[in-house]
Amino acid sequence: MRIVVHGQEAFGKAVLEKLLARGENVVAVCCAPDKAGRSEDPLKAFAVEKGLPLHQLKSWKTPEALELMKSFNADVCIMAYVLLFVPQPVLDAPTFGTFQYHPSLLPAHRGPSSINWPIATGKTRTGLTIFWPDEGLDEGPILLQKTVEIGADETLGDVYFKKLFPLGVEAMMESLDLVKAGVVLRHKQKLDDGSYESWFKKDVAELDFSKPVADVYNTIRAANPAPGAWAIIKGTKLDIYDAAKVSGSGASGTITAISADGITVAANGGAILVKRVKAPEGKKVAASEWAQAAGIKAGDVFDKPLPKAPA
């Protein structure tokens, strides 16, 4: 079976590695164009190392892009972490079409931050979907799904790197085997149900310690390692990473204790033990180390966020 791999970054590389280890016939690799100031894409580097034909199109919306995909004479295209929009004629060019990985249980959490949002909203379960994409945003018939639990203290990094990444690579191989076995009937399932979510950006990762402590903690977990939850204290915008939900009381946002374990901050219904932080222009350090260097003490208070303008 002639296979095109379309993807980028570590996940795309891992999928390509697995395909080659299985002896699959990869006839072309497509990835995003190089960006100035960014390190070389791991997928690109690996494809070059293996001597595979590599293509880095800026857009797939052109007649030339369609002709390129047709020229591969592929049986199937495997999309592993693709951010560029790919129109339907290109998706349909391979004999059996194109299937794609998405790290949520579609149709829930459609969009680019599909791992952050279930953690931020306190869900205890998420998963991945392999689907036949159409021209909607993370829409199309589902081929298979896998479910994982979100542990009470697991972060974005935990859920992705320990669970959805390795399980996703295996799910891509399982999906290829299904296609080889003739499971290409595309049972239609409507996914344009309003569940699309935009990026989990820095503005939504601002902490409000007057909110229930579970909500504050979920935001920290969902933003760790990126984009990083944050709050302002004494004019400093402090990024907050590793943390724990603990018992405690006091006025919301007030630092109630500083110890070798970290900074304890009161929230609504409990407290957050902040363990690792990053100040502007600095590196990630232990919270107690930062507090000592910044002259932060018990009784200091984090600012409450200003009201945001209506969208």
Protein backbone atom coordinates (compact mmCIF):
# COMPACT_ATOMS: atom_id res chain seq x y z
CA MET A 1 0.00 0.00 0.00
CA ARG A 2 1.39 3.40 -1.04
CA ILE A 3 1.24 5.84 1.88
CA VAL A 4 1.69 9.60 2.16
CA VAL A 5 2.51 10.96 5.62
CA HIS A 6 1.35 14.53 6.21
CA GLY A 7 2.21 16.03 9.59
CA GLN A 8 4.78 17.83 11.67
CA GLU A 9 6.70 17.90 14.92
CA ALA A 10 7.42 14.95 17.23
CA PHE A 11 4.08 13.21 16.68
CA GLY A 12 4.49 13.20 12.91
CA LYS A 13 8.02 11.85 13.30
CA ALA A 14 6.83 9.09 15.66
CA VAL A 15 4.14 8.02 13.18
CA LEU A 16 6.66 7.93 10.33
CA GLU A 17 9.14 5.97 12.46
CA LYS A 18 6.48 3.39 13.27
CA LEU A 19 5.43 3.04 9.63
CA LEU A 20 9.01 2.47 8.49
CA ALA A 21 9.64 0.01 11.33
CA ARG A 22 6.65 -1.97 10.05
CA GLY A 23 8.09 -1.95 6.53
CA GLU A 24 5.32 0.21 5.08
CA ASN A 25 5.74 1.83 1.67
CA VAL A 26 5.91 5.57 2.42
CA VAL A 27 6.08 7.31 -0.95
CA ALA A 28 6.10 10.93 0.25
CA VAL A 29 6.28 13.07 3.38
CA CYS A 30 4.61 16.48 3.66
CA CYS A 31 5.18 18.94 6.48
CA ALA A 32 4.83 22.64 7.22
CA PRO A 33 7.34 25.12 5.77
CA ASP A 34 10.37 26.09 7.85
CA LYS A 35 9.94 29.11 10.10
CA ALA A 36 12.69 31.66 10.72
CA GLY A 37 14.14 31.35 14.20
CA ARG A 38 12.55 27.94 14.81
CA SER A 39 14.46 24.68 15.09
CA GLU A 40 14.11 22.18 12.27
CA ASP A 41 10.91 20.17 12.28
CA PRO A 42 11.69 16.66 13.64
CA LEU A 43 9.50 15.08 10.96
CA LYS A 44 11.39 16.91 8.21
CA ALA A 45 14.77 15.96 9.66
CA PHE A 46 13.82 12.30 9.92
CA ALA A 47 12.38 12.17 6.40
CA VAL A 48 15.59 13.69 5.00
CA GLU A 49 17.66 11.23 7.03
CA LYS A 50 15.73 8.33 5.50
CA GLY A 51 15.94 9.72 1.99
CA LEU A 52 12.19 10.09 1.56
CA PRO A 53 10.65 12.59 -0.89
CA LEU A 54 9.81 15.70 1.17
CA HIS A 55 7.35 18.48 0.33
CA GLN A 56 6.76 21.66 2.35
CA LEU A 57 3.84 23.53 0.80
CA LYS A 58 2.76 26.89 2.13
CA SER A 59 -0.81 26.16 1.04
CA TRP A 60 -2.81 23.14 -0.08
CA LYS A 61 -5.50 25.29 -1.67
CA THR A 62 -3.86 25.59 -5.08
CA PRO A 63 -4.28 23.53 -8.27
CA GLU A 64 -0.58 22.70 -8.01
CA ALA A 65 -1.10 21.20 -4.55
CA LEU A 66 -3.86 18.96 -5.84
CA GLU A 67 -1.71 17.82 -8.76
CA LEU A 68 1.13 17.07 -6.34
CA MET A 69 -1.06 14.84 -4.19
CA LYS A 70 -2.36 13.07 -7.30
CA SER A 71 1.19 12.53 -8.51
CA PHE A 72 1.98 10.35 -5.49
CA ASN A 73 -0.50 7.75 -6.77
CA ALA A 74 -1.12 6.99 -3.09
CA ASP A 75 -3.57 4.52 -1.62
CA VAL A 76 -4.01 6.53 1.56
CA CYS A 77 -2.78 9.73 3.21
CA ILE A 78 -2.15 9.72 6.96
CA MET A 79 -2.48 13.12 8.62
CA ALA A 80 -0.58 13.32 11.91
CA TYR A 81 -0.86 16.73 13.57
CA VAL A 82 -1.65 19.01 10.62
CA LEU A 83 -2.52 22.68 11.17
CA LEU A 84 -2.81 23.79 7.53
CA PHE A 85 -6.27 23.65 5.93
CA VAL A 86 -6.49 20.90 3.31
CA PRO A 87 -9.40 21.11 0.81
CA GLN A 88 -11.62 18.15 0.00
CA PRO A 89 -10.23 17.35 -3.47
CA VAL A 90 -6.74 16.94 -1.96
CA LEU A 91 -8.10 14.81 0.89
CA ASP A 92 -9.89 12.58 -1.61
CA ALA A 93 -7.00 12.23 -4.06
CA PRO A 94 -5.57 8.98 -2.59
CA THR A 95 -7.51 5.84 -3.52
CA PHE A 96 -8.95 5.34 -0.03
CA GLY A 97 -8.80 9.00 1.02
CA THR A 98 -7.19 10.59 4.07
CA PHE A 99 -7.53 9.84 7.77
CA GLN A 100 -6.43 12.13 10.59
CA TYR A 101 -5.56 12.08 14.30
CA HIS A 102 -7.27 14.42 16.76
CA PRO A 103 -6.59 14.33 20.54
CA SER A 104 -10.16 14.43 21.84
CA LEU A 105 -13.30 12.34 21.69
CA LEU A 106 -14.93 14.08 18.75
CA PRO A 107 -17.29 15.80 18.41
CA ALA A 108 -16.29 17.10 21.86
CA HIS A 109 -13.42 19.60 21.97
CA ARG A 110 -13.01 20.29 18.29
CA GLY A 111 -10.26 22.84 17.75
CA PRO A 112 -6.53 23.40 18.30
CA SER A 113 -6.46 23.19 22.13
CA SER A 114 -8.41 19.98 22.50
CA ILE A 115 -6.29 18.65 25.38
CA ASN A 116 -6.26 21.86 27.42
CA TRP A 117 -10.01 22.40 27.52
CA PRO A 118 -11.17 19.09 29.07
CA ILE A 119 -8.62 19.54 31.85
CA ALA A 120 -9.58 23.18 32.39
CA THR A 121 -13.26 22.28 32.64
CA GLY A 122 -12.62 19.54 35.19
CA LYS A 123 -13.35 16.49 33.04
CA THR A 124 -12.00 13.15 34.19
CA ARG A 125 -11.97 11.50 30.79
CA THR A 126 -10.81 12.37 27.29
CA GLY A 127 -9.33 10.44 24.40
CA LEU A 128 -8.44 10.51 20.74
CA THR A 129 -10.25 10.15 17.47
CA ILE A 130 -9.09 8.91 14.08
CA PHE A 131 -11.47 10.30 11.48
CA TRP A 132 -11.91 11.00 7.76
CA PRO A 133 -11.62 14.82 7.65
CA ASP A 134 -13.86 16.91 5.46
CA GLU A 135 -13.68 20.65 4.89
CA GLY A 136 -15.16 21.48 8.29
CA LEU A 137 -13.04 22.17 11.36
CA ASP A 138 -12.29 18.77 12.87
CA GLU A 139 -15.36 17.32 11.22
CA GLY A 140 -15.86 14.10 9.32
CA PRO A 141 -16.82 10.44 9.74
CA ILE A 142 -15.13 8.64 12.63
CA LEU A 143 -12.95 5.57 11.99
CA LEU A 144 -12.05 4.75 15.62
CA GLN A 145 -11.73 6.27 19.08
CA LYS A 146 -9.70 5.52 22.21
CA THR A 147 -10.48 6.74 25.73
CA VAL A 148 -8.11 7.72 28.54
CA GLU A 149 -8.65 8.89 32.09
CA ILE A 150 -7.52 12.32 33.27
CA GLY A 151 -6.01 11.89 36.72
CA ALA A 152 -6.92 14.38 39.42
CA ASP A 153 -3.41 15.89 39.38
CA GLU A 154 -2.43 15.31 35.76
CA THR A 155 -1.33 18.24 33.65
CA LEU A 156 -1.54 18.94 29.94
CA GLY A 157 1.95 17.47 29.58
CA ASP A 158 1.00 14.32 31.49
CA VAL A 159 -2.14 13.64 29.46
CA TYR A 160 -0.49 14.26 26.10
CA PHE A 161 3.01 12.82 26.42
CA LYS A 162 2.17 9.86 28.68
CA LYS A 163 -1.18 8.92 27.17
CA LEU A 164 -2.50 10.54 23.99
CA PHE A 165 0.84 10.65 22.17
CA PRO A 166 1.84 6.96 22.44
CA LEU A 167 -1.76 5.75 22.19
CA GLY A 168 -2.26 7.99 19.15
CA VAL A 169 0.71 6.51 17.29
CA GLU A 170 -0.66 3.01 17.88
CA ALA A 171 -4.16 4.14 16.87
CA MET A 172 -2.79 5.42 13.55
CA MET A 173 -1.30 1.97 12.87
CA GLU A 174 -4.56 0.29 13.86
CA SER A 175 -6.43 2.61 11.52
CA LEU A 176 -4.09 1.76 8.65
CA ASP A 177 -4.71 -1.93 9.31
CA LEU A 178 -8.46 -1.29 9.18
CA VAL A 179 -8.08 0.42 5.82
CA LYS A 180 -6.00 -2.48 4.55
CA ALA A 181 -8.72 -4.85 5.72
CA GLY A 182 -11.30 -2.91 3.71
CA VAL A 183 -12.89 -0.94 6.56
CA VAL A 184 -13.30 2.24 4.55
CA LEU A 185 -17.06 2.68 4.80
CA ARG A 186 -17.48 6.21 6.06
CA HIS A 187 -20.44 6.13 8.40
CA LYS A 188 -21.60 9.72 8.50
CA GLN A 189 -21.63 11.42 11.88
CA LYS A 190 -22.45 15.09 12.10
CA LEU A 191 -19.73 16.97 13.97
CA ASP A 192 -20.68 20.61 13.35
CA ASP A 193 -22.61 20.82 16.62
CA GLY A 194 -21.06 24.02 17.93
CA SER A 195 -18.41 22.15 19.93
CA TYR A 196 -15.48 23.88 18.21
CA GLU A 197 -13.15 25.57 20.71
CA SER A 198 -10.47 28.09 19.87
CA TRP A 199 -6.91 28.17 21.16
CA PHE A 200 -6.30 27.87 24.91
CA LYS A 201 -4.24 31.05 24.90
CA LYS A 202 -2.53 33.10 27.55
CA ASP A 203 -5.55 35.30 28.17
CA VAL A 204 -7.74 32.35 29.25
CA ALA A 205 -4.96 31.03 31.51
CA GLU A 206 -5.09 34.05 33.84
CA LEU A 207 -5.85 32.90 37.39
CA ASP A 208 -8.60 34.30 39.55
CA PHE A 209 -8.11 32.98 43.08
CA SER A 210 -11.62 34.13 44.05
CA LYS A 211 -12.99 31.29 41.93
CA PRO A 212 -13.49 27.80 43.40
CA VAL A 213 -10.14 26.21 44.16
CA ALA A 214 -10.89 23.31 41.80
CA ASP A 215 -11.34 25.73 38.89
CA VAL A 216 -8.05 27.49 39.67
CA TYR A 217 -6.20 24.18 39.91
CA ASN A 218 -7.74 22.86 36.68
CA THR A 219 -6.58 25.97 34.82
CA ILE A 220 -3.04 25.51 36.10
CA ARG A 221 -3.02 21.85 35.03
CA ALA A 222 -4.48 22.66 31.63
CA ALA A 223 -1.81 25.29 30.95
CA ASN A 224 1.18 23.23 32.08
CA PRO A 225 3.56 23.26 30.22
CA ALA A 226 1.91 25.64 27.73
CA PRO A 227 0.82 28.39 27.62
CA GLY A 228 1.44 28.64 31.38
CA ALA A 229 -1.13 29.87 33.90
CA TRP A 230 -0.37 33.28 35.35
CA ALA A 231 -1.29 35.94 37.86
CA ILE A 232 0.06 39.35 38.86
CA ILE A 233 1.59 40.17 42.23
CA LYS A 234 3.30 43.45 43.11
CA GLY A 235 3.34 44.43 39.46
CA THR A 236 5.03 41.19 38.32
CA LYS A 237 3.30 38.86 35.86
CA LEU A 238 4.17 35.46 37.29
CA ASP A 239 3.75 32.24 35.28
CA ILE A 240 2.67 29.33 37.46
CA TYR A 241 3.42 25.73 36.52
CA ASP A 242 3.69 22.82 38.95
CA ALA A 243 1.15 23.12 41.76
CA ALA A 244 -1.12 21.14 44.06
CA LYS A 245 -4.57 21.63 45.50
CA VAL A 246 -4.39 21.70 49.31
CA SER A 247 -6.58 22.56 52.25
CA GLY A 248 -6.44 26.08 53.58
CA SER A 249 -8.34 29.26 54.26
CA GLY A 250 -7.94 32.99 54.04
CA ALA A 251 -8.78 35.86 51.73
CA SER A 252 -8.63 34.74 48.11
CA GLY A 253 -5.29 35.43 46.43
CA THR A 254 -3.45 35.93 49.72
CA ILE A 255 -0.17 34.12 50.29
CA THR A 256 -0.73 32.31 53.57
CA ALA A 257 2.60 30.52 53.83
CA ILE A 258 6.00 30.17 52.16
CA SER A 259 8.08 27.05 52.70
CA ALA A 260 10.60 24.87 50.92
CA ASP A 261 7.63 23.13 49.28
CA GLY A 262 6.37 26.34 47.69
CA ILE A 263 3.98 29.24 48.08
CA THR A 264 0.52 28.58 49.51
CA VAL A 265 -2.16 30.86 48.06
CA ALA A 266 -5.70 30.97 49.42
CA ALA A 267 -8.53 30.35 46.97
CA ASN A 268 -12.28 29.93 47.27
CA GLY A 269 -12.78 26.74 49.30
CA GLY A 270 -9.13 25.81 49.77
CA ALA A 271 -5.65 26.75 48.65
CA ILE A 272 -3.10 26.23 45.90
CA LEU A 273 0.45 25.20 46.70
CA VAL A 274 2.50 26.81 43.93
CA LYS A 275 5.68 24.79 43.41
CA ARG A 276 7.34 26.14 40.25
CA VAL A 277 7.12 29.55 38.61
CA LYS A 278 8.67 31.75 35.96
CA ALA A 279 9.02 35.51 36.22
CA PRO A 280 9.40 37.71 33.11
CA GLU A 281 12.80 37.24 31.43
CA GLY A 282 13.60 34.46 33.86
CA LYS A 283 13.72 30.67 33.91
CA LYS A 284 11.39 28.23 35.62
CA VAL A 285 12.48 27.97 39.25
CA ALA A 286 11.17 26.71 42.57
CA ALA A 287 8.48 29.05 43.85
CA SER A 288 10.19 29.45 47.23
CA GLU A 289 13.42 30.47 45.47
CA TRP A 290 11.61 33.10 43.43
CA ALA A 291 9.74 34.43 46.46
CA GLN A 292 12.96 34.91 48.40
CA ALA A 293 14.66 36.69 45.49
CA ALA A 294 11.61 38.90 44.84
CA GLY A 295 11.03 39.81 48.48
CA ILE A 296 7.61 38.12 48.54
CA LYS A 297 6.26 37.25 51.97
CA ALA A 298 3.18 35.78 53.65
CA GLY A 299 0.35 38.28 53.56
CA ASP A 300 1.13 39.54 50.05
CA VAL A 301 -1.82 39.32 47.67
CA PHE A 302 -2.18 38.40 44.01
CA ASP A 303 -4.18 40.87 41.95
CA LYS A 304 -7.69 39.98 40.96
CA PRO A 305 -8.11 40.01 37.15
CA LEU A 306 -9.71 43.06 35.64
CA PRO A 307 -13.11 42.42 33.99
CA LYS A 308 -12.68 41.41 30.37
CA ALA A 309 -14.49 43.23 27.59
CA PRO A 310 -17.36 41.29 26.03
CA ALA A 311 -16.31 39.19 23.02
